[in-house]
Amino acid sequence: SGGGLVQAGGSLRLSCAASGRTFS
């Protein structure tokens, strides 16, 4: 999540949430 449209010079923060049975 966290994607989008931004102007040059701007910032974004992407996140990646991991889940599942006994995630390792």
mmCIF file of all heavy atoms, coordinates in Angstrom:
data_MODEL
# 
_entry.id   MODEL 
# 
loop_
_atom_site.group_PDB 
_atom_site.id 
_atom_site.type_symbol 
_atom_site.label_atom_id 
_atom_site.label_alt_id 
_atom_site.label_comp_id 
_atom_site.label_asym_id 
_atom_site.label_entity_id 
_atom_site.label_seq_id 
_atom_site.pdbx_PDB_ins_code 
_atom_site.Cartn_x 
_atom_site.Cartn_y 
_atom_site.Cartn_z 
_atom_site.occupancy 
_atom_site.B_iso_or_equiv 
_atom_site.pdbx_formal_charge 
_atom_site.auth_seq_id 
_atom_site.auth_comp_id 
_atom_site.auth_asym_id 
_atom_site.auth_atom_id 
_atom_site.pdbx_PDB_model_num 
ATOM 1   N N   . SER A 1 1  ? 0.854  -1.183  0.000   1.00 0.00 ? 1  SER A N   1 
ATOM 2   C CA  . SER A 1 1  ? 0.000  0.000   0.000   1.00 0.00 ? 1  SER A CA  1 
ATOM 3   C C   . SER A 1 1  ? 0.893  1.236   0.000   1.00 0.00 ? 1  SER A C   1 
ATOM 4   O O   . SER A 1 1  ? 2.100  1.138   0.244   1.00 0.00 ? 1  SER A O   1 
ATOM 5   C CB  . SER A 1 1  ? -0.927 0.011   1.217   1.00 0.00 ? 1  SER A CB  1 
ATOM 6   O OG  . SER A 1 1  ? -0.183 0.030   2.413   1.00 0.00 ? 1  SER A OG  1 
ATOM 7   N N   . GLY A 1 2  ? 0.276  2.388   -0.277  1.00 0.00 ? 2  GLY A N   1 
ATOM 8   C CA  . GLY A 1 2  ? 1.011  3.639   -0.201  1.00 0.00 ? 2  GLY A CA  1 
ATOM 9   C C   . GLY A 1 2  ? 1.392  4.254   -1.530  1.00 0.00 ? 2  GLY A C   1 
ATOM 10  O O   . GLY A 1 2  ? 1.947  5.353   -1.561  1.00 0.00 ? 2  GLY A O   1 
ATOM 11  N N   . GLY A 1 3  ? 1.111  3.559   -2.609  1.00 0.00 ? 3  GLY A N   1 
ATOM 12  C CA  . GLY A 1 3  ? 1.445  4.120   -3.909  1.00 0.00 ? 3  GLY A CA  1 
ATOM 13  C C   . GLY A 1 3  ? 0.528  5.282   -4.260  1.00 0.00 ? 3  GLY A C   1 
ATOM 14  O O   . GLY A 1 3  ? -0.452 5.552   -3.568  1.00 0.00 ? 3  GLY A O   1 
ATOM 15  N N   . GLY A 1 4  ? 0.867  5.973   -5.342  1.00 0.00 ? 4  GLY A N   1 
ATOM 16  C CA  . GLY A 1 4  ? 0.040  7.089   -5.769  1.00 0.00 ? 4  GLY A CA  1 
ATOM 17  C C   . GLY A 1 4  ? 0.750  7.966   -6.777  1.00 0.00 ? 4  GLY A C   1 
ATOM 18  O O   . GLY A 1 4  ? 1.777  7.586   -7.336  1.00 0.00 ? 4  GLY A O   1 
ATOM 19  N N   . LEU A 1 5  ? 0.177  9.143   -6.979  1.00 0.00 ? 5  LEU A N   1 
ATOM 20  C CA  . LEU A 1 5  ? 0.716  10.120  -7.909  1.00 0.00 ? 5  LEU A CA  1 
ATOM 21  C C   . LEU A 1 5  ? 1.370  11.245  -7.112  1.00 0.00 ? 5  LEU A C   1 
ATOM 22  O O   . LEU A 1 5  ? 0.767  11.792  -6.181  1.00 0.00 ? 5  LEU A O   1 
ATOM 23  C CB  . LEU A 1 5  ? -0.408 10.683  -8.786  1.00 0.00 ? 5  LEU A CB  1 
ATOM 24  C CG  . LEU A 1 5  ? -0.047 11.849  -9.709  1.00 0.00 ? 5  LEU A CG  1 
ATOM 25  C CD1 . LEU A 1 5  ? 0.965  11.414  -10.755 1.00 0.00 ? 5  LEU A CD1 1 
ATOM 26  C CD2 . LEU A 1 5  ? -1.314 12.394  -10.362 1.00 0.00 ? 5  LEU A CD2 1 
ATOM 27  N N   . VAL A 1 6  ? 2.597  11.582  -7.485  1.00 0.00 ? 6  VAL A N   1 
ATOM 28  C CA  . VAL A 1 6  ? 3.330  12.627  -6.779  1.00 0.00 ? 6  VAL A CA  1 
ATOM 29  C C   . VAL A 1 6  ? 4.160  13.408  -7.789  1.00 0.00 ? 6  VAL A C   1 
ATOM 30  O O   . VAL A 1 6  ? 4.566  12.870  -8.820  1.00 0.00 ? 6  VAL A O   1 
ATOM 31  C CB  . VAL A 1 6  ? 4.227  12.006  -5.678  1.00 0.00 ? 6  VAL A CB  1 
ATOM 32  C CG1 . VAL A 1 6  ? 5.299  11.121  -6.285  1.00 0.00 ? 6  VAL A CG1 1 
ATOM 33  C CG2 . VAL A 1 6  ? 4.829  13.070  -4.779  1.00 0.00 ? 6  VAL A CG2 1 
ATOM 34  N N   . GLN A 1 7  ? 4.407  14.665  -7.489  1.00 0.00 ? 7  GLN A N   1 
ATOM 35  C CA  . GLN A 1 7  ? 5.254  15.470  -8.363  1.00 0.00 ? 7  GLN A CA  1 
ATOM 36  C C   . GLN A 1 7  ? 6.719  15.163  -8.122  1.00 0.00 ? 7  GLN A C   1 
ATOM 37  O O   . GLN A 1 7  ? 7.107  14.710  -7.024  1.00 0.00 ? 7  GLN A O   1 
ATOM 38  C CB  . GLN A 1 7  ? 4.992  16.952  -8.119  1.00 0.00 ? 7  GLN A CB  1 
ATOM 39  C CG  . GLN A 1 7  ? 3.639  17.430  -8.617  1.00 0.00 ? 7  GLN A CG  1 
ATOM 40  C CD  . GLN A 1 7  ? 3.480  18.932  -8.504  1.00 0.00 ? 7  GLN A CD  1 
ATOM 41  O OE1 . GLN A 1 7  ? 4.121  19.568  -7.675  1.00 0.00 ? 7  GLN A OE1 1 
ATOM 42  N NE2 . GLN A 1 7  ? 2.629  19.499  -9.347  1.00 0.00 ? 7  GLN A NE2 1 
ATOM 43  N N   . ALA A 1 8  ? 7.520  15.417  -9.117  1.00 0.00 ? 8  ALA A N   1 
ATOM 44  C CA  . ALA A 1 8  ? 8.955  15.225  -8.980  1.00 0.00 ? 8  ALA A CA  1 
ATOM 45  C C   . ALA A 1 8  ? 9.473  16.025  -7.781  1.00 0.00 ? 8  ALA A C   1 
ATOM 46  O O   . ALA A 1 8  ? 9.064  17.169  -7.563  1.00 0.00 ? 8  ALA A O   1 
ATOM 47  C CB  . ALA A 1 8  ? 9.672  15.663  -10.247 1.00 0.00 ? 8  ALA A CB  1 
ATOM 48  N N   . GLY A 1 9  ? 10.344 15.393  -7.015  1.00 0.00 ? 9  GLY A N   1 
ATOM 49  C CA  . GLY A 1 9  ? 10.862 15.989  -5.802  1.00 0.00 ? 9  GLY A CA  1 
ATOM 50  C C   . GLY A 1 9  ? 10.071 15.648  -4.561  1.00 0.00 ? 9  GLY A C   1 
ATOM 51  O O   . GLY A 1 9  ? 10.517 15.930  -3.440  1.00 0.00 ? 9  GLY A O   1 
ATOM 52  N N   . GLY A 1 10 ? 8.913  15.048  -4.750  1.00 0.00 ? 10 GLY A N   1 
ATOM 53  C CA  . GLY A 1 10 ? 8.065  14.688  -3.624  1.00 0.00 ? 10 GLY A CA  1 
ATOM 54  C C   . GLY A 1 10 ? 8.459  13.368  -2.989  1.00 0.00 ? 10 GLY A C   1 
ATOM 55  O O   . GLY A 1 10 ? 9.475  12.756  -3.344  1.00 0.00 ? 10 GLY A O   1 
ATOM 56  N N   . SER A 1 11 ? 7.637  12.939  -2.031  1.00 0.00 ? 11 SER A N   1 
ATOM 57  C CA  . SER A 1 11 ? 7.918  11.727  -1.262  1.00 0.00 ? 11 SER A CA  1 
ATOM 58  C C   . SER A 1 11 ? 6.689  10.835  -1.183  1.00 0.00 ? 11 SER A C   1 
ATOM 59  O O   . SER A 1 11 ? 5.553  11.314  -1.244  1.00 0.00 ? 11 SER A O   1 
ATOM 60  C CB  . SER A 1 11 ? 8.363  12.083  0.153   1.00 0.00 ? 11 SER A CB  1 
ATOM 61  O OG  . SER A 1 11 ? 9.540  12.853  0.159   1.00 0.00 ? 11 SER A OG  1 
ATOM 62  N N   . LEU A 1 12 ? 6.943  9.556   -1.036  1.00 0.00 ? 12 LEU A N   1 
ATOM 63  C CA  . LEU A 1 12 ? 5.912  8.567   -0.763  1.00 0.00 ? 12 LEU A CA  1 
ATOM 64  C C   . LEU A 1 12 ? 6.508  7.521   0.166   1.00 0.00 ? 12 LEU A C   1 
ATOM 65  O O   . LEU A 1 12 ? 7.726  7.279   0.137   1.00 0.00 ? 12 LEU A O   1 
ATOM 66  C CB  . LEU A 1 12 ? 5.440  7.876   -2.044  1.00 0.00 ? 12 LEU A CB  1 
ATOM 67  C CG  . LEU A 1 12 ? 4.483  8.617   -2.977  1.00 0.00 ? 12 LEU A CG  1 
ATOM 68  C CD1 . LEU A 1 12 ? 4.284  7.801   -4.246  1.00 0.00 ? 12 LEU A CD1 1 
ATOM 69  C CD2 . LEU A 1 12 ? 3.157  8.890   -2.302  1.00 0.00 ? 12 LEU A CD2 1 
ATOM 70  N N   . ARG A 1 13 ? 5.651  6.896   0.957   1.00 0.00 ? 13 ARG A N   1 
ATOM 71  C CA  . ARG A 1 13 ? 6.087  5.768   1.771   1.00 0.00 ? 13 ARG A CA  1 
ATOM 72  C C   . ARG A 1 13 ? 5.230  4.566   1.440   1.00 0.00 ? 13 ARG A C   1 
ATOM 73  O O   . ARG A 1 13 ? 4.006  4.600   1.624   1.00 0.00 ? 13 ARG A O   1 
ATOM 74  C CB  . ARG A 1 13 ? 6.014  6.064   3.256   1.00 0.00 ? 13 ARG A CB  1 
ATOM 75  C CG  . ARG A 1 13 ? 6.677  4.966   4.082   1.00 0.00 ? 13 ARG A CG  1 
ATOM 76  C CD  . ARG A 1 13 ? 6.702  5.243   5.563   1.00 0.00 ? 13 ARG A CD  1 
ATOM 77  N NE  . ARG A 1 13 ? 5.442  4.875   6.204   1.00 0.00 ? 13 ARG A NE  1 
ATOM 78  C CZ  . ARG A 1 13 ? 5.340  4.516   7.484   1.00 0.00 ? 13 ARG A CZ  1 
ATOM 79  N NH1 . ARG A 1 13 ? 6.422  4.487   8.240   1.00 0.00 ? 13 ARG A NH1 1 
ATOM 80  N NH2 . ARG A 1 13 ? 4.169  4.225   7.999   1.00 0.00 ? 13 ARG A NH2 1 
ATOM 81  N N   . LEU A 1 14 ? 5.870  3.525   0.961   1.00 0.00 ? 14 LEU A N   1 
ATOM 82  C CA  . LEU A 1 14 ? 5.187  2.273   0.680   1.00 0.00 ? 14 LEU A CA  1 
ATOM 83  C C   . LEU A 1 14 ? 5.262  1.360   1.897   1.00 0.00 ? 14 LEU A C   1 
ATOM 84  O O   . LEU A 1 14 ? 6.259  1.365   2.626   1.00 0.00 ? 14 LEU A O   1 
ATOM 85  C CB  . LEU A 1 14 ? 5.817  1.573   -0.515  1.00 0.00 ? 14 LEU A CB  1 
ATOM 86  C CG  . LEU A 1 14 ? 5.930  2.382   -1.810  1.00 0.00 ? 14 LEU A CG  1 
ATOM 87  C CD1 . LEU A 1 14 ? 6.518  1.505   -2.908  1.00 0.00 ? 14 LEU A CD1 1 
ATOM 88  C CD2 . LEU A 1 14 ? 4.608  2.962   -2.215  1.00 0.00 ? 14 LEU A CD2 1 
ATOM 89  N N   . SER A 1 15 ? 4.211  0.585   2.080   1.00 0.00 ? 15 SER A N   1 
ATOM 90  C CA  . SER A 1 15 ? 4.173  -0.414  3.150   1.00 0.00 ? 15 SER A CA  1 
ATOM 91  C C   . SER A 1 15 ? 3.896  -1.776  2.547   1.00 0.00 ? 15 SER A C   1 
ATOM 92  O O   . SER A 1 15 ? 3.207  -1.885  1.534   1.00 0.00 ? 15 SER A O   1 
ATOM 93  C CB  . SER A 1 15 ? 3.081  -0.080  4.164   1.00 0.00 ? 15 SER A CB  1 
ATOM 94  O OG  . SER A 1 15 ? 3.297  1.172   4.762   1.00 0.00 ? 15 SER A OG  1 
ATOM 95  N N   . CYS A 1 16 ? 4.410  -2.789  3.198   1.00 0.00 ? 16 CYS A N   1 
ATOM 96  C CA  . CYS A 1 16 ? 4.162  -4.164  2.790   1.00 0.00 ? 16 CYS A CA  1 
ATOM 97  C C   . CYS A 1 16 ? 3.890  -4.968  4.050   1.00 0.00 ? 16 CYS A C   1 
ATOM 98  O O   . CYS A 1 16 ? 4.800  -5.207  4.859   1.00 0.00 ? 16 CYS A O   1 
ATOM 99  C CB  . CYS A 1 16 ? 5.346  -4.736  2.033   1.00 0.00 ? 16 CYS A CB  1 
ATOM 100 S SG  . CYS A 1 16 ? 5.178  -6.494  1.628   1.00 0.00 ? 16 CYS A SG  1 
ATOM 101 N N   . ALA A 1 17 ? 2.655  -5.398  4.206   1.00 0.00 ? 17 ALA A N   1 
ATOM 102 C CA  . ALA A 1 17 ? 2.256  -6.177  5.374   1.00 0.00 ? 17 ALA A CA  1 
ATOM 103 C C   . ALA A 1 17 ? 2.261  -7.657  5.009   1.00 0.00 ? 17 ALA A C   1 
ATOM 104 O O   . ALA A 1 17 ? 1.627  -8.058  4.031   1.00 0.00 ? 17 ALA A O   1 
ATOM 105 C CB  . ALA A 1 17 ? 0.888  -5.747  5.845   1.00 0.00 ? 17 ALA A CB  1 
ATOM 106 N N   . ALA A 1 18 ? 2.973  -8.428  5.804   1.00 0.00 ? 18 ALA A N   1 
ATOM 107 C CA  . ALA A 1 18 ? 3.077  -9.863  5.561   1.00 0.00 ? 18 ALA A CA  1 
ATOM 108 C C   . ALA A 1 18 ? 2.209  -10.618 6.543   1.00 0.00 ? 18 ALA A C   1 
ATOM 109 O O   . ALA A 1 18 ? 2.153  -10.286 7.729   1.00 0.00 ? 18 ALA A O   1 
ATOM 110 C CB  . ALA A 1 18 ? 4.520  -10.309 5.703   1.00 0.00 ? 18 ALA A CB  1 
ATOM 111 N N   . SER A 1 19 ? 1.525  -11.625 6.055   1.00 0.00 ? 19 SER A N   1 
ATOM 112 C CA  . SER A 1 19 ? 0.679  -12.441 6.923   1.00 0.00 ? 19 SER A CA  1 
ATOM 113 C C   . SER A 1 19 ? 0.615  -13.847 6.361   1.00 0.00 ? 19 SER A C   1 
ATOM 114 O O   . SER A 1 19 ? 1.078  -14.130 5.271   1.00 0.00 ? 19 SER A O   1 
ATOM 115 C CB  . SER A 1 19 ? -0.726 -11.846 7.023   1.00 0.00 ? 19 SER A CB  1 
ATOM 116 O OG  . SER A 1 19 ? -1.356 -11.859 5.757   1.00 0.00 ? 19 SER A OG  1 
ATOM 117 N N   . GLY A 1 20 ? 0.036  -14.724 7.148   1.00 0.00 ? 20 GLY A N   1 
ATOM 118 C CA  . GLY A 1 20 ? -0.068 -16.105 6.722   1.00 0.00 ? 20 GLY A CA  1 
ATOM 119 C C   . GLY A 1 20 ? 0.272  -17.015 7.860   1.00 0.00 ? 20 GLY A C   1 
ATOM 120 O O   . GLY A 1 20 ? 0.743  -16.582 8.912   1.00 0.00 ? 20 GLY A O   1 
ATOM 121 N N   . ARG A 1 21 ? 0.060  -18.270 7.657   1.00 0.00 ? 21 ARG A N   1 
ATOM 122 C CA  . ARG A 1 21 ? 0.265  -19.239 8.723   1.00 0.00 ? 21 ARG A CA  1 
ATOM 123 C C   . ARG A 1 21 ? 1.747  -19.287 9.101   1.00 0.00 ? 21 ARG A C   1 
ATOM 124 O O   . ARG A 1 21 ? 2.602  -19.603 8.284   1.00 0.00 ? 21 ARG A O   1 
ATOM 125 C CB  . ARG A 1 21 ? -0.226 -20.609 8.275   1.00 0.00 ? 21 ARG A CB  1 
ATOM 126 C CG  . ARG A 1 21 ? -0.273 -21.628 9.381   1.00 0.00 ? 21 ARG A CG  1 
ATOM 127 C CD  . ARG A 1 21 ? -0.942 -22.900 8.920   1.00 0.00 ? 21 ARG A CD  1 
ATOM 128 N NE  . ARG A 1 21 ? -0.175 -23.546 7.867   1.00 0.00 ? 21 ARG A NE  1 
ATOM 129 C CZ  . ARG A 1 21 ? -0.551 -24.677 7.276   1.00 0.00 ? 21 ARG A CZ  1 
ATOM 130 N NH1 . ARG A 1 21 ? -1.687 -25.240 7.613   1.00 0.00 ? 21 ARG A NH1 1 
ATOM 131 N NH2 . ARG A 1 21 ? 0.184  -25.210 6.338   1.00 0.00 ? 21 ARG A NH2 1 
ATOM 132 N N   . THR A 1 22 ? 2.037  -18.936 10.305  1.00 0.00 ? 22 THR A N   1 
ATOM 133 C CA  . THR A 1 22 ? 3.403  -18.971 10.842  1.00 0.00 ? 22 THR A CA  1 
ATOM 134 C C   . THR A 1 22 ? 4.375  -18.293 9.872   1.00 0.00 ? 22 THR A C   1 
ATOM 135 O O   . THR A 1 22 ? 5.350  -18.894 9.397   1.00 0.00 ? 22 THR A O   1 
ATOM 136 C CB  . THR A 1 22 ? 3.851  -20.419 11.099  1.00 0.00 ? 22 THR A CB  1 
ATOM 137 O OG1 . THR A 1 22 ? 2.787  -21.123 11.722  1.00 0.00 ? 22 THR A OG1 1 
ATOM 138 C CG2 . THR A 1 22 ? 5.043  -20.436 12.029  1.00 0.00 ? 22 THR A CG2 1 
ATOM 139 N N   . PHE A 1 23 ? 4.075  -17.037 9.576   1.00 0.00 ? 23 PHE A N   1 
ATOM 140 C CA  . PHE A 1 23 ? 4.940  -16.331 8.646   1.00 0.00 ? 23 PHE A CA  1 
ATOM 141 C C   . PHE A 1 23 ? 6.353  -16.234 9.194   1.00 0.00 ? 23 PHE A C   1 
ATOM 142 O O   . PHE A 1 23 ? 6.580  -15.828 10.320  1.00 0.00 ? 23 PHE A O   1 
ATOM 143 C CB  . PHE A 1 23 ? 4.412  -14.920 8.391   1.00 0.00 ? 23 PHE A CB  1 
ATOM 144 C CG  . PHE A 1 23 ? 5.364  -14.088 7.578   1.00 0.00 ? 23 PHE A CG  1 
ATOM 145 C CD1 . PHE A 1 23 ? 5.501  -14.315 6.216   1.00 0.00 ? 23 PHE A CD1 1 
ATOM 146 C CD2 . PHE A 1 23 ? 6.158  -13.123 8.160   1.00 0.00 ? 23 PHE A CD2 1 
ATOM 147 C CE1 . PHE A 1 23 ? 6.395  -13.575 5.463   1.00 0.00 ? 23 PHE A CE1 1 
ATOM 148 C CE2 . PHE A 1 23 ? 7.049  -12.373 7.415   1.00 0.00 ? 23 PHE A CE2 1 
ATOM 149 C CZ  . PHE A 1 23 ? 7.170  -12.604 6.069   1.00 0.00 ? 23 PHE A CZ  1 
ATOM 150 N N   . SER A 1 24 ? 7.286  -16.632 8.379   1.00 0.00 ? 24 SER A N   1 
ATOM 151 C CA  . SER A 1 24 ? 8.692  -16.537 8.746   1.00 0.00 ? 24 SER A CA  1 
ATOM 152 C C   . SER A 1 24 ? 9.503  -16.411 7.477   1.00 0.00 ? 24 SER A C   1 
ATOM 153 O O   . SER A 1 24 ? 9.344  -17.186 6.540   1.00 0.00 ? 24 SER A O   1 
ATOM 154 C CB  . SER A 1 24 ? 9.129  -17.793 9.520   1.00 0.00 ? 24 SER A CB  1 
ATOM 155 O OG  . SER A 1 24 ? 10.502 -17.739 9.806   1.00 0.00 ? 24 SER A OG  1 
# 
